[in-house]
Amino acid sequence: MGSRSQQSAQQFAAEFGIAQAHGSYQELVENDAVDIVYVATPHPMHYEPTMLAIAAGKHVLVEKPFMLNRTQAEQVREAARAKNLLVTEAMWTRYLPHMVRIRQLIASGAIGEVRALFADHAQSFGSDPTHRINALELGGGALLDLGVYPVSFAWDVLGAPNQCAGLRATRRYRCRHGGRGGDDPRIRGDLHLPELLSGGRVQYRTYSGL
């Protein structure tokens, strides 16, 4: 495993029984025994380690959200293509047994033609502004940390959209548990699906800090 300091790397390795600890990401990707790098850093720190691993010829599994913006994602994609490497998002929900079954049911036509999907995702993390879910500077908030789930679900079972649209709204809220309240980022989006779904659409809403 790799960390930004040798001390923290050794502490983590000792706790989880990892044989090798590297005091920098550069040392990690230069290790010839490493074939694939799993990037599990905080969200704003996904890009640089991923590009570092690609430059070293390593395949990469990146925690969600894949990147913070489209520019980063496209640069990673092109760098991986140039090196003929696999770089993918570690969206764990795609590999759950019930997701396998859902894909089978849709493919078989057992539930008929899917024309629409509506998904809500809401979680309560309190009002602590330093919590990574609430800190927008850490890639938290409704879209990057939570919204990826309904979007990924729709993409997984219905295919890639041919059009995306989104609306962001922020309102003030007061925590039900008596906290001071704060900003409640909300995202509502539409994903228009290919013709094979008769022009169907996915609507999703996601909330954080409720």
N, C-alpha and C. Protein backbone atom coordinates (compact mmCIF):
# COMPACT_ATOMS: atom_id res chain seq x y z
N MET A 1 0.85 -1.17 0.00
CA MET A 1 0.00 0.00 0.00
C MET A 1 0.89 1.23 0.00
N GLY A 2 0.32 2.36 -0.41
CA GLY A 2 1.07 3.61 -0.47
C GLY A 2 0.36 4.70 0.29
N SER A 3 1.12 5.60 0.86
CA SER A 3 0.58 6.73 1.59
C SER A 3 1.47 7.94 1.33
N ARG A 4 1.09 9.08 1.89
CA ARG A 4 1.90 10.28 1.70
C ARG A 4 3.05 10.37 2.67
N SER A 5 3.12 9.44 3.62
CA SER A 5 4.26 9.38 4.55
C SER A 5 4.54 7.93 4.88
N GLN A 6 5.79 7.63 5.17
CA GLN A 6 6.17 6.27 5.50
C GLN A 6 5.54 5.82 6.81
N GLN A 7 5.43 6.75 7.76
CA GLN A 7 4.85 6.40 9.06
C GLN A 7 3.41 5.95 8.93
N SER A 8 2.59 6.74 8.23
CA SER A 8 1.18 6.37 8.09
C SER A 8 1.04 5.10 7.26
N ALA A 9 1.91 4.91 6.28
CA ALA A 9 1.87 3.70 5.46
C ALA A 9 2.15 2.47 6.31
N GLN A 10 3.14 2.56 7.16
CA GLN A 10 3.50 1.43 8.01
C GLN A 10 2.42 1.13 9.04
N GLN A 11 1.81 2.18 9.58
CA GLN A 11 0.74 1.97 10.55
C GLN A 11 -0.44 1.25 9.92
N PHE A 12 -0.83 1.69 8.74
CA PHE A 12 -1.95 1.06 8.03
C PHE A 12 -1.61 -0.37 7.66
N ALA A 13 -0.41 -0.59 7.17
CA ALA A 13 0.01 -1.92 6.76
C ALA A 13 0.04 -2.88 7.95
N ALA A 14 0.50 -2.39 9.08
CA ALA A 14 0.56 -3.23 10.28
C ALA A 14 -0.83 -3.60 10.76
N GLU A 15 -1.76 -2.65 10.69
CA GLU A 15 -3.12 -2.91 11.16
C GLU A 15 -3.84 -3.94 10.32
N PHE A 16 -3.58 -3.92 9.01
CA PHE A 16 -4.34 -4.80 8.11
C PHE A 16 -3.49 -5.92 7.51
N GLY A 17 -2.30 -6.12 8.04
CA GLY A 17 -1.49 -7.24 7.60
C GLY A 17 -1.00 -7.14 6.18
N ILE A 18 -0.64 -5.96 5.74
CA ILE A 18 -0.14 -5.74 4.37
C ILE A 18 1.38 -5.87 4.37
N ALA A 19 1.90 -6.63 3.44
CA ALA A 19 3.32 -6.97 3.45
C ALA A 19 4.24 -5.79 3.17
N GLN A 20 3.84 -4.92 2.24
CA GLN A 20 4.73 -3.83 1.83
C GLN A 20 4.04 -2.49 2.02
N ALA A 21 4.79 -1.54 2.56
CA ALA A 21 4.27 -0.19 2.78
C ALA A 21 5.20 0.82 2.11
N HIS A 22 4.62 1.70 1.33
CA HIS A 22 5.41 2.70 0.60
C HIS A 22 5.07 4.10 1.12
N GLY A 23 6.10 4.91 1.30
CA GLY A 23 5.91 6.24 1.84
C GLY A 23 5.52 7.29 0.82
N SER A 24 5.28 6.87 -0.41
CA SER A 24 4.80 7.79 -1.44
C SER A 24 4.08 6.98 -2.51
N TYR A 25 3.21 7.62 -3.25
CA TYR A 25 2.50 6.95 -4.32
C TYR A 25 3.45 6.59 -5.46
N GLN A 26 4.47 7.41 -5.64
CA GLN A 26 5.47 7.14 -6.68
C GLN A 26 6.18 5.82 -6.40
N GLU A 27 6.55 5.60 -5.15
CA GLU A 27 7.20 4.34 -4.78
C GLU A 27 6.28 3.15 -5.04
N LEU A 28 5.00 3.34 -4.75
CA LEU A 28 4.04 2.26 -4.94
C LEU A 28 3.95 1.85 -6.41
N VAL A 29 3.77 2.82 -7.29
CA VAL A 29 3.59 2.49 -8.71
C VAL A 29 4.88 2.00 -9.36
N GLU A 30 6.01 2.28 -8.75
CA GLU A 30 7.29 1.80 -9.28
C GLU A 30 7.61 0.39 -8.82
N ASN A 31 6.79 -0.17 -7.95
CA ASN A 31 7.00 -1.53 -7.46
C ASN A 31 6.61 -2.53 -8.56
N ASP A 32 7.56 -3.31 -9.02
CA ASP A 32 7.31 -4.25 -10.12
C ASP A 32 6.34 -5.36 -9.72
N ALA A 33 6.16 -5.57 -8.43
CA ALA A 33 5.24 -6.61 -7.97
C ALA A 33 3.78 -6.18 -8.04
N VAL A 34 3.55 -4.91 -8.30
CA VAL A 34 2.19 -4.35 -8.35
C VAL A 34 1.68 -4.36 -9.79
N ASP A 35 0.55 -5.00 -10.01
CA ASP A 35 -0.08 -5.04 -11.33
C ASP A 35 -1.23 -4.06 -11.45
N ILE A 36 -1.98 -3.91 -10.35
CA ILE A 36 -3.18 -3.06 -10.34
C ILE A 36 -3.14 -2.16 -9.11
N VAL A 37 -3.48 -0.90 -9.30
CA VAL A 37 -3.52 0.06 -8.19
C VAL A 37 -4.98 0.40 -7.88
N TYR A 38 -5.34 0.31 -6.61
CA TYR A 38 -6.67 0.71 -6.15
C TYR A 38 -6.55 2.08 -5.50
N VAL A 39 -7.19 3.08 -6.07
CA VAL A 39 -7.13 4.45 -5.56
C VAL A 39 -8.32 4.69 -4.64
N ALA A 40 -8.05 4.82 -3.36
CA ALA A 40 -9.10 5.02 -2.36
C ALA A 40 -8.83 6.27 -1.54
N THR A 41 -8.19 7.25 -2.15
CA THR A 41 -7.93 8.52 -1.50
C THR A 41 -9.22 9.34 -1.42
N PRO A 42 -9.23 10.46 -0.65
CA PRO A 42 -10.40 11.35 -0.69
C PRO A 42 -10.68 11.80 -2.11
N HIS A 43 -11.91 12.13 -2.39
CA HIS A 43 -12.37 12.40 -3.75
C HIS A 43 -11.51 13.39 -4.54
N PRO A 44 -11.10 14.54 -3.97
CA PRO A 44 -10.32 15.47 -4.78
C PRO A 44 -8.93 14.95 -5.13
N MET A 45 -8.54 13.84 -4.53
CA MET A 45 -7.19 13.30 -4.74
C MET A 45 -7.20 12.03 -5.59
N HIS A 46 -8.23 11.82 -6.36
CA HIS A 46 -8.28 10.65 -7.23
C HIS A 46 -7.44 10.84 -8.49
N TYR A 47 -7.43 12.05 -9.01
CA TYR A 47 -6.84 12.29 -10.34
C TYR A 47 -5.34 12.03 -10.38
N GLU A 48 -4.58 12.66 -9.50
CA GLU A 48 -3.13 12.58 -9.59
C GLU A 48 -2.59 11.16 -9.37
N PRO A 49 -3.05 10.42 -8.32
CA PRO A 49 -2.56 9.05 -8.18
C PRO A 49 -2.94 8.15 -9.36
N THR A 50 -4.12 8.39 -9.92
CA THR A 50 -4.55 7.59 -11.07
C THR A 50 -3.64 7.84 -12.27
N MET A 51 -3.36 9.10 -12.55
CA MET A 51 -2.47 9.42 -13.67
C MET A 51 -1.06 8.92 -13.42
N LEU A 52 -0.64 8.95 -12.17
CA LEU A 52 0.69 8.45 -11.80
C LEU A 52 0.77 6.94 -12.08
N ALA A 53 -0.27 6.22 -11.70
CA ALA A 53 -0.29 4.78 -11.92
C ALA A 53 -0.33 4.44 -13.41
N ILE A 54 -1.11 5.18 -14.17
CA ILE A 54 -1.18 4.95 -15.61
C ILE A 54 0.17 5.18 -16.26
N ALA A 55 0.84 6.26 -15.86
CA ALA A 55 2.17 6.56 -16.42
C ALA A 55 3.17 5.45 -16.13
N ALA A 56 2.96 4.75 -15.02
CA ALA A 56 3.85 3.65 -14.63
C ALA A 56 3.42 2.32 -15.24
N GLY A 57 2.36 2.34 -16.05
CA GLY A 57 1.91 1.13 -16.72
C GLY A 57 1.05 0.21 -15.87
N LYS A 58 0.36 0.77 -14.87
CA LYS A 58 -0.48 -0.05 -13.99
C LYS A 58 -1.96 0.10 -14.36
N HIS A 59 -2.70 -0.98 -14.24
CA HIS A 59 -4.16 -0.90 -14.32
C HIS A 59 -4.65 -0.23 -13.04
N VAL A 60 -5.82 0.42 -13.11
CA VAL A 60 -6.28 1.20 -11.96
C VAL A 60 -7.76 0.98 -11.69
N LEU A 61 -8.07 0.76 -10.42
CA LEU A 61 -9.44 0.70 -9.92
C LEU A 61 -9.63 1.94 -9.04
N VAL A 62 -10.53 2.83 -9.43
CA VAL A 62 -10.69 4.12 -8.75
C VAL A 62 -12.00 4.15 -7.97
N GLU A 63 -11.93 4.52 -6.72
CA GLU A 63 -13.15 4.65 -5.92
C GLU A 63 -14.08 5.69 -6.53
N LYS A 64 -15.36 5.54 -6.25
CA LYS A 64 -16.32 6.54 -6.73
C LYS A 64 -16.23 7.78 -5.84
N PRO A 65 -16.54 8.96 -6.37
CA PRO A 65 -16.77 9.22 -7.78
C PRO A 65 -15.48 9.09 -8.58
N PHE A 66 -15.57 8.62 -9.80
CA PHE A 66 -14.40 8.35 -10.62
C PHE A 66 -13.44 9.53 -10.63
N MET A 67 -13.95 10.70 -10.99
CA MET A 67 -13.19 11.95 -10.94
C MET A 67 -14.13 13.06 -10.52
N LEU A 68 -13.60 14.25 -10.32
CA LEU A 68 -14.42 15.37 -9.88
C LEU A 68 -15.14 16.06 -11.02
N ASN A 69 -14.63 15.91 -12.24
CA ASN A 69 -15.26 16.61 -13.36
C ASN A 69 -14.97 15.89 -14.67
N ARG A 70 -15.61 16.35 -15.70
CA ARG A 70 -15.50 15.70 -17.01
C ARG A 70 -14.09 15.81 -17.58
N THR A 71 -13.45 16.96 -17.38
CA THR A 71 -12.10 17.15 -17.92
C THR A 71 -11.13 16.11 -17.36
N GLN A 72 -11.17 15.91 -16.04
CA GLN A 72 -10.30 14.91 -15.44
C GLN A 72 -10.62 13.51 -15.96
N ALA A 73 -11.89 13.18 -16.04
CA ALA A 73 -12.29 11.85 -16.50
C ALA A 73 -11.82 11.59 -17.92
N GLU A 74 -11.95 12.58 -18.80
CA GLU A 74 -11.53 12.40 -20.19
C GLU A 74 -10.02 12.27 -20.29
N GLN A 75 -9.29 13.02 -19.49
CA GLN A 75 -7.83 12.92 -19.51
C GLN A 75 -7.37 11.55 -19.04
N VAL A 76 -8.01 11.04 -17.99
CA VAL A 76 -7.69 9.69 -17.51
C VAL A 76 -8.02 8.65 -18.57
N ARG A 77 -9.18 8.79 -19.20
CA ARG A 77 -9.58 7.84 -20.24
C ARG A 77 -8.57 7.79 -21.38
N GLU A 78 -8.17 8.95 -21.86
CA GLU A 78 -7.25 9.01 -22.98
C GLU A 78 -5.87 8.48 -22.60
N ALA A 79 -5.43 8.78 -21.39
CA ALA A 79 -4.13 8.29 -20.93
C ALA A 79 -4.13 6.77 -20.84
N ALA A 80 -5.24 6.20 -20.35
CA ALA A 80 -5.34 4.75 -20.24
C ALA A 80 -5.40 4.09 -21.61
N ARG A 81 -6.13 4.70 -22.53
CA ARG A 81 -6.21 4.16 -23.89
C ARG A 81 -4.84 4.15 -24.56
N ALA A 82 -4.09 5.22 -24.36
CA ALA A 82 -2.78 5.33 -24.98
C ALA A 82 -1.83 4.24 -24.48
N LYS A 83 -2.03 3.81 -23.24
CA LYS A 83 -1.19 2.77 -22.64
C LYS A 83 -1.83 1.38 -22.71
N ASN A 84 -3.04 1.30 -23.28
CA ASN A 84 -3.78 0.04 -23.35
C ASN A 84 -3.97 -0.57 -21.96
N LEU A 85 -4.41 0.27 -21.02
CA LEU A 85 -4.61 -0.16 -19.64
C LEU A 85 -6.08 -0.10 -19.25
N LEU A 86 -6.47 -0.92 -18.31
CA LEU A 86 -7.82 -0.89 -17.77
C LEU A 86 -7.88 0.10 -16.61
N VAL A 87 -8.75 1.06 -16.71
CA VAL A 87 -9.03 1.99 -15.61
C VAL A 87 -10.54 2.03 -15.45
N THR A 88 -11.04 1.69 -14.27
CA THR A 88 -12.49 1.63 -14.07
C THR A 88 -12.87 2.11 -12.68
N GLU A 89 -14.12 2.47 -12.53
CA GLU A 89 -14.63 2.96 -11.26
C GLU A 89 -15.01 1.78 -10.36
N ALA A 90 -14.68 1.90 -9.10
CA ALA A 90 -14.97 0.82 -8.14
C ALA A 90 -16.39 0.97 -7.59
N MET A 91 -17.36 0.85 -8.49
CA MET A 91 -18.76 0.94 -8.08
C MET A 91 -19.21 -0.43 -7.62
N TRP A 92 -19.09 -0.67 -6.33
CA TRP A 92 -19.31 -2.00 -5.76
C TRP A 92 -20.73 -2.54 -5.96
N THR A 93 -21.70 -1.63 -6.05
CA THR A 93 -23.09 -2.09 -6.16
C THR A 93 -23.35 -2.86 -7.46
N ARG A 94 -22.53 -2.65 -8.48
CA ARG A 94 -22.73 -3.35 -9.75
C ARG A 94 -22.53 -4.86 -9.61
N TYR A 95 -21.83 -5.27 -8.58
CA TYR A 95 -21.44 -6.68 -8.48
C TYR A 95 -22.20 -7.43 -7.39
N LEU A 96 -23.22 -6.80 -6.84
CA LEU A 96 -24.04 -7.48 -5.84
C LEU A 96 -24.90 -8.55 -6.51
N PRO A 97 -25.18 -9.65 -5.82
CA PRO A 97 -25.98 -10.73 -6.42
C PRO A 97 -27.34 -10.27 -6.95
N HIS A 98 -28.00 -9.36 -6.24
CA HIS A 98 -29.32 -8.96 -6.71
C HIS A 98 -29.22 -8.11 -7.98
N MET A 99 -28.08 -7.43 -8.18
CA MET A 99 -27.90 -6.68 -9.42
C MET A 99 -27.73 -7.62 -10.61
N VAL A 100 -27.04 -8.73 -10.37
CA VAL A 100 -26.91 -9.73 -11.42
C VAL A 100 -28.28 -10.25 -11.82
N ARG A 101 -29.13 -10.49 -10.82
CA ARG A 101 -30.47 -11.00 -11.08
C ARG A 101 -31.33 -9.97 -11.79
N ILE A 102 -31.22 -8.71 -11.41
CA ILE A 102 -31.99 -7.66 -12.06
C ILE A 102 -31.64 -7.57 -13.54
N ARG A 103 -30.36 -7.63 -13.86
CA ARG A 103 -29.95 -7.58 -15.27
C ARG A 103 -30.49 -8.78 -16.04
N GLN A 104 -30.50 -9.94 -15.39
CA GLN A 104 -31.04 -11.13 -16.05
C GLN A 104 -32.53 -10.97 -16.35
N LEU A 105 -33.27 -10.44 -15.39
CA LEU A 105 -34.72 -10.27 -15.57
C LEU A 105 -35.03 -9.28 -16.69
N ILE A 106 -34.29 -8.20 -16.74
CA ILE A 106 -34.52 -7.19 -17.78
C ILE A 106 -34.17 -7.76 -19.14
N ALA A 107 -33.02 -8.45 -19.23
CA ALA A 107 -32.58 -9.00 -20.51
C ALA A 107 -33.54 -10.06 -21.03
N SER A 108 -34.16 -10.81 -20.14
CA SER A 108 -35.07 -11.88 -20.55
C SER A 108 -36.46 -11.38 -20.93
N GLY A 109 -36.75 -10.12 -20.59
CA GLY A 109 -38.08 -9.58 -20.86
C GLY A 109 -39.11 -10.00 -19.83
N ALA A 110 -38.66 -10.56 -18.72
CA ALA A 110 -39.59 -11.08 -17.71
C ALA A 110 -40.47 -9.98 -17.11
N ILE A 111 -39.96 -8.76 -17.06
CA ILE A 111 -40.76 -7.67 -16.49
C ILE A 111 -41.29 -6.74 -17.57
N GLY A 112 -41.17 -7.15 -18.83
CA GLY A 112 -41.66 -6.34 -19.92
C GLY A 112 -40.64 -5.28 -20.34
N GLU A 113 -41.08 -4.37 -21.19
CA GLU A 113 -40.21 -3.31 -21.68
C GLU A 113 -40.09 -2.21 -20.63
N VAL A 114 -38.89 -1.91 -20.25
CA VAL A 114 -38.65 -0.85 -19.26
C VAL A 114 -38.72 0.50 -19.96
N ARG A 115 -39.63 1.34 -19.51
CA ARG A 115 -39.82 2.65 -20.13
C ARG A 115 -39.39 3.81 -19.25
N ALA A 116 -39.31 3.60 -17.95
CA ALA A 116 -38.94 4.71 -17.06
C ALA A 116 -38.37 4.14 -15.76
N LEU A 117 -37.54 4.93 -15.14
CA LEU A 117 -36.98 4.57 -13.84
C LEU A 117 -36.94 5.82 -12.99
N PHE A 118 -37.43 5.72 -11.76
CA PHE A 118 -37.40 6.84 -10.83
C PHE A 118 -36.62 6.42 -9.59
N ALA A 119 -35.63 7.20 -9.20
CA ALA A 119 -34.77 6.80 -8.08
C ALA A 119 -34.52 7.98 -7.16
N ASP A 120 -34.71 7.76 -5.86
CA ASP A 120 -34.37 8.75 -4.84
C ASP A 120 -33.28 8.17 -3.95
N HIS A 121 -32.36 8.99 -3.55
CA HIS A 121 -31.30 8.55 -2.63
C HIS A 121 -31.08 9.66 -1.61
N ALA A 122 -31.35 9.37 -0.37
CA ALA A 122 -31.20 10.36 0.69
C ALA A 122 -30.53 9.73 1.90
N GLN A 123 -29.61 10.44 2.51
CA GLN A 123 -28.94 9.97 3.72
C GLN A 123 -28.75 11.14 4.68
N SER A 124 -28.74 10.85 5.96
CA SER A 124 -28.54 11.87 6.98
C SER A 124 -27.16 11.71 7.60
N PHE A 125 -26.36 12.74 7.53
CA PHE A 125 -25.01 12.72 8.10
C PHE A 125 -24.80 13.81 9.13
N GLY A 126 -25.88 14.43 9.59
CA GLY A 126 -25.74 15.49 10.57
C GLY A 126 -25.27 16.79 9.94
N SER A 127 -24.97 17.76 10.77
CA SER A 127 -24.67 19.10 10.27
C SER A 127 -23.20 19.47 10.39
N ASP A 128 -22.33 18.54 10.76
CA ASP A 128 -20.91 18.83 10.90
C ASP A 128 -20.33 19.21 9.54
N PRO A 129 -19.92 20.47 9.34
CA PRO A 129 -19.44 20.89 8.02
C PRO A 129 -18.11 20.24 7.63
N THR A 130 -17.41 19.66 8.60
CA THR A 130 -16.12 19.04 8.30
C THR A 130 -16.27 17.58 7.88
N HIS A 131 -17.46 17.00 8.06
CA HIS A 131 -17.68 15.62 7.62
C HIS A 131 -17.51 15.57 6.11
N ARG A 132 -16.82 14.56 5.63
CA ARG A 132 -16.48 14.52 4.21
C ARG A 132 -17.71 14.52 3.31
N ILE A 133 -18.85 14.01 3.80
CA ILE A 133 -20.06 14.02 2.99
C ILE A 133 -20.61 15.43 2.84
N ASN A 134 -20.41 16.27 3.86
CA ASN A 134 -20.94 17.63 3.82
C ASN A 134 -19.96 18.64 3.23
N ALA A 135 -18.68 18.30 3.17
CA ALA A 135 -17.66 19.24 2.73
C ALA A 135 -17.52 19.19 1.21
N LEU A 136 -18.02 20.23 0.54
CA LEU A 136 -17.98 20.25 -0.92
C LEU A 136 -16.55 20.26 -1.43
N GLU A 137 -15.63 20.88 -0.67
CA GLU A 137 -14.23 20.92 -1.10
C GLU A 137 -13.58 19.54 -1.08
N LEU A 138 -14.22 18.58 -0.40
CA LEU A 138 -13.73 17.21 -0.38
C LEU A 138 -14.51 16.31 -1.35
N GLY A 139 -15.30 16.95 -2.20
CA GLY A 139 -16.08 16.17 -3.16
C GLY A 139 -17.34 15.58 -2.57
N GLY A 140 -17.79 16.12 -1.44
CA GLY A 140 -19.02 15.64 -0.82
C GLY A 140 -20.24 16.26 -1.47
N GLY A 141 -21.37 16.14 -0.80
CA GLY A 141 -22.59 16.72 -1.34
C GLY A 141 -23.44 15.72 -2.09
N ALA A 142 -24.51 16.22 -2.65
CA ALA A 142 -25.54 15.35 -3.21
C ALA A 142 -25.10 14.63 -4.48
N LEU A 143 -24.33 15.27 -5.33
CA LEU A 143 -24.05 14.67 -6.63
C LEU A 143 -22.90 13.68 -6.59
N LEU A 144 -21.71 14.14 -6.20
CA LEU A 144 -20.53 13.30 -6.34
C LEU A 144 -20.51 12.13 -5.38
N ASP A 145 -20.99 12.33 -4.16
CA ASP A 145 -20.89 11.26 -3.18
C ASP A 145 -22.12 10.37 -3.12
N LEU A 146 -23.29 10.94 -3.40
CA LEU A 146 -24.54 10.17 -3.30
C LEU A 146 -25.20 9.95 -4.65
N GLY A 147 -25.20 10.98 -5.47
CA GLY A 147 -25.91 10.90 -6.74
C GLY A 147 -25.35 9.86 -7.69
N VAL A 148 -24.08 9.48 -7.48
CA VAL A 148 -23.50 8.48 -8.36
C VAL A 148 -24.24 7.14 -8.27
N TYR A 149 -24.90 6.87 -7.14
CA TYR A 149 -25.56 5.58 -6.97
C TYR A 149 -26.78 5.43 -7.88
N PRO A 150 -27.75 6.34 -7.85
CA PRO A 150 -28.88 6.18 -8.79
C PRO A 150 -28.46 6.32 -10.24
N VAL A 151 -27.47 7.18 -10.51
CA VAL A 151 -27.00 7.32 -11.89
C VAL A 151 -26.35 6.03 -12.36
N SER A 152 -25.49 5.46 -11.52
CA SER A 152 -24.82 4.21 -11.88
C SER A 152 -25.83 3.08 -12.05
N PHE A 153 -26.83 3.03 -11.18
CA PHE A 153 -27.85 1.98 -11.28
C PHE A 153 -28.57 2.06 -12.62
N ALA A 154 -28.97 3.28 -12.99
CA ALA A 154 -29.70 3.45 -14.24
C ALA A 154 -28.83 3.06 -15.43
N TRP A 155 -27.59 3.49 -15.41
CA TRP A 155 -26.67 3.19 -16.50
C TRP A 155 -26.42 1.69 -16.57
N ASP A 156 -26.28 1.06 -15.42
CA ASP A 156 -25.95 -0.36 -15.35
C ASP A 156 -27.05 -1.22 -15.96
N VAL A 157 -28.29 -0.94 -15.63
CA VAL A 157 -29.37 -1.83 -16.06
C VAL A 157 -30.04 -1.41 -17.37
N LEU A 158 -29.88 -0.13 -17.75
CA LEU A 158 -30.59 0.36 -18.93
C LEU A 158 -29.67 0.84 -20.04
N GLY A 159 -28.38 0.87 -19.79
CA GLY A 159 -27.44 1.29 -20.82
C GLY A 159 -27.08 2.76 -20.73
N ALA A 160 -26.12 3.16 -21.56
CA ALA A 160 -25.62 4.53 -21.54
C ALA A 160 -26.68 5.51 -22.04
N PRO A 161 -26.85 6.65 -21.38
CA PRO A 161 -27.82 7.65 -21.85
C PRO A 161 -27.29 8.37 -23.08
N ASN A 162 -28.20 8.92 -23.86
CA ASN A 162 -27.77 9.74 -24.99
C ASN A 162 -27.96 11.22 -24.71
N GLN A 163 -28.49 11.54 -23.54
CA GLN A 163 -28.63 12.94 -23.15
C GLN A 163 -28.72 13.02 -21.63
N CYS A 164 -28.06 14.00 -21.05
CA CYS A 164 -28.11 14.20 -19.60
C CYS A 164 -28.48 15.65 -19.30
N ALA A 165 -29.26 15.86 -18.27
CA ALA A 165 -29.61 17.21 -17.83
C ALA A 165 -29.70 17.20 -16.32
N GLY A 166 -29.30 18.30 -15.69
CA GLY A 166 -29.32 18.33 -14.24
C GLY A 166 -29.70 19.70 -13.72
N LEU A 167 -30.21 19.72 -12.50
CA LEU A 167 -30.60 20.96 -11.85
C LEU A 167 -30.14 20.89 -10.41
N ARG A 168 -29.43 21.91 -9.96
CA ARG A 168 -28.96 21.94 -8.58
C ARG A 168 -29.69 23.04 -7.82
N ALA A 169 -30.16 22.69 -6.64
CA ALA A 169 -30.82 23.68 -5.78
C ALA A 169 -30.32 23.49 -4.36
N THR A 170 -30.14 24.58 -3.65
CA THR A 170 -29.68 24.51 -2.27
C THR A 170 -30.66 25.25 -1.38
N ARG A 171 -31.08 24.63 -0.31
CA ARG A 171 -31.96 25.30 0.62
C ARG A 171 -31.38 25.18 2.02
N ARG A 172 -31.84 26.03 2.90
CA ARG A 172 -31.44 25.94 4.30
C ARG A 172 -32.29 24.89 5.01
N TYR A 173 -31.71 24.18 5.93
CA TYR A 173 -32.46 23.17 6.65
C TYR A 173 -32.08 23.20 8.12
N ARG A 174 -32.91 22.62 8.94
CA ARG A 174 -32.60 22.45 10.35
C ARG A 174 -32.68 20.96 10.67
N CYS A 175 -31.62 20.46 11.26
CA CYS A 175 -31.54 19.03 11.52
C CYS A 175 -32.66 18.59 12.46
N ARG A 176 -33.24 17.45 12.17
CA ARG A 176 -34.30 16.93 13.00
C ARG A 176 -33.81 16.54 14.39
N HIS A 177 -32.49 16.27 14.48
CA HIS A 177 -31.97 15.86 15.78
C HIS A 177 -31.53 17.06 16.61
N GLY A 178 -31.88 18.28 16.17
CA GLY A 178 -31.61 19.46 16.98
C GLY A 178 -30.34 20.19 16.64
N GLY A 179 -29.69 19.81 15.54
CA GLY A 179 -28.46 20.49 15.15
C GLY A 179 -28.72 21.90 14.65
N ARG A 180 -27.65 22.60 14.33
CA ARG A 180 -27.76 23.99 13.92
C ARG A 180 -28.27 24.16 12.50
N GLY A 181 -28.21 23.10 11.72
CA GLY A 181 -28.66 23.21 10.34
C GLY A 181 -27.54 23.70 9.45
N GLY A 182 -27.86 23.82 8.16
CA GLY A 182 -26.84 24.24 7.21
C GLY A 182 -27.39 24.15 5.81
N ASP A 183 -26.48 24.01 4.82
CA ASP A 183 -26.90 23.91 3.44
C ASP A 183 -27.28 22.48 3.10
N ASP A 184 -28.33 22.34 2.34
CA ASP A 184 -28.81 21.03 1.90
C ASP A 184 -28.72 20.98 0.38
N PRO A 185 -27.59 20.54 -0.17
CA PRO A 185 -27.49 20.47 -1.63
C PRO A 185 -28.41 19.38 -2.17
N ARG A 186 -29.18 19.73 -3.17
CA ARG A 186 -30.08 18.76 -3.80
C ARG A 186 -29.81 18.76 -5.30
N ILE A 187 -29.86 17.59 -5.85
CA ILE A 187 -29.66 17.44 -7.28
C ILE A 187 -30.86 16.71 -7.87
N ARG A 188 -31.39 17.23 -8.95
CA ARG A 188 -32.41 16.50 -9.70
C ARG A 188 -31.89 16.36 -11.12
N GLY A 189 -31.98 15.18 -11.68
CA GLY A 189 -31.44 14.98 -13.01
C GLY A 189 -32.33 14.13 -13.87
N ASP A 190 -32.17 14.28 -15.16
CA ASP A 190 -32.85 13.45 -16.14
C ASP A 190 -31.80 12.80 -17.02
N LEU A 191 -31.95 11.52 -17.29
CA LEU A 191 -31.11 10.81 -18.23
C LEU A 191 -32.01 10.26 -19.33
N HIS A 192 -31.83 10.72 -20.54
CA HIS A 192 -32.65 10.23 -21.66
C HIS A 192 -31.95 9.03 -22.27
N LEU A 193 -32.69 7.95 -22.39
CA LEU A 193 -32.09 6.68 -22.78
C LEU A 193 -32.25 6.41 -24.27
N PRO A 194 -31.45 5.48 -24.78
CA PRO A 194 -31.47 5.19 -26.22
C PRO A 194 -32.82 4.71 -26.72
N GLU A 195 -32.94 4.64 -28.05
CA GLU A 195 -34.21 4.29 -28.68
C GLU A 195 -34.67 2.89 -28.33
N LEU A 196 -33.76 2.01 -27.97
CA LEU A 196 -34.16 0.65 -27.66
C LEU A 196 -35.10 0.60 -26.47
N LEU A 197 -35.14 1.69 -25.70
CA LEU A 197 -36.08 1.75 -24.59
C LEU A 197 -37.25 2.67 -24.92
N SER A 198 -37.52 2.80 -26.22
CA SER A 198 -38.65 3.62 -26.69
C SER A 198 -38.57 5.06 -26.17
N GLY A 199 -37.35 5.57 -26.13
CA GLY A 199 -37.19 6.96 -25.71
C GLY A 199 -37.47 7.17 -24.24
N GLY A 200 -37.39 6.11 -23.45
CA GLY A 200 -37.67 6.25 -22.02
C GLY A 200 -36.69 7.17 -21.32
N ARG A 201 -36.94 7.47 -20.08
CA ARG A 201 -36.07 8.37 -19.35
C ARG A 201 -35.95 7.92 -17.90
N VAL A 202 -34.86 8.34 -17.32
CA VAL A 202 -34.62 8.11 -15.90
C VAL A 202 -34.67 9.45 -15.20
N GLN A 203 -35.44 9.52 -14.14
CA GLN A 203 -35.43 10.71 -13.30
C GLN A 203 -34.90 10.31 -11.94
N TYR A 204 -33.98 11.10 -11.41
CA TYR A 204 -33.44 10.78 -10.11
C TYR A 204 -33.31 12.04 -9.28
N ARG A 205 -33.41 11.86 -7.99
CA ARG A 205 -33.18 12.95 -7.04
C ARG A 205 -32.29 12.42 -5.94
N THR A 206 -31.39 13.24 -5.48
CA THR A 206 -30.52 12.82 -4.41
C THR A 206 -30.30 13.98 -3.45
N TYR A 207 -30.20 13.68 -2.17
CA TYR A 207 -30.11 14.69 -1.15
C TYR A 207 -29.01 14.32 -0.16
N SER A 208 -28.41 15.31 0.43
CA SER A 208 -27.48 15.05 1.55
C SER A 208 -27.76 16.04 2.65
N GLY A 209 -27.42 15.66 3.85
CA GLY A 209 -27.58 16.55 5.00
C GLY A 209 -28.99 16.68 5.49
N LEU A 210 -29.86 15.74 5.14
CA LEU A 210 -31.25 15.84 5.57
C LEU A 210 -31.40 15.58 7.06
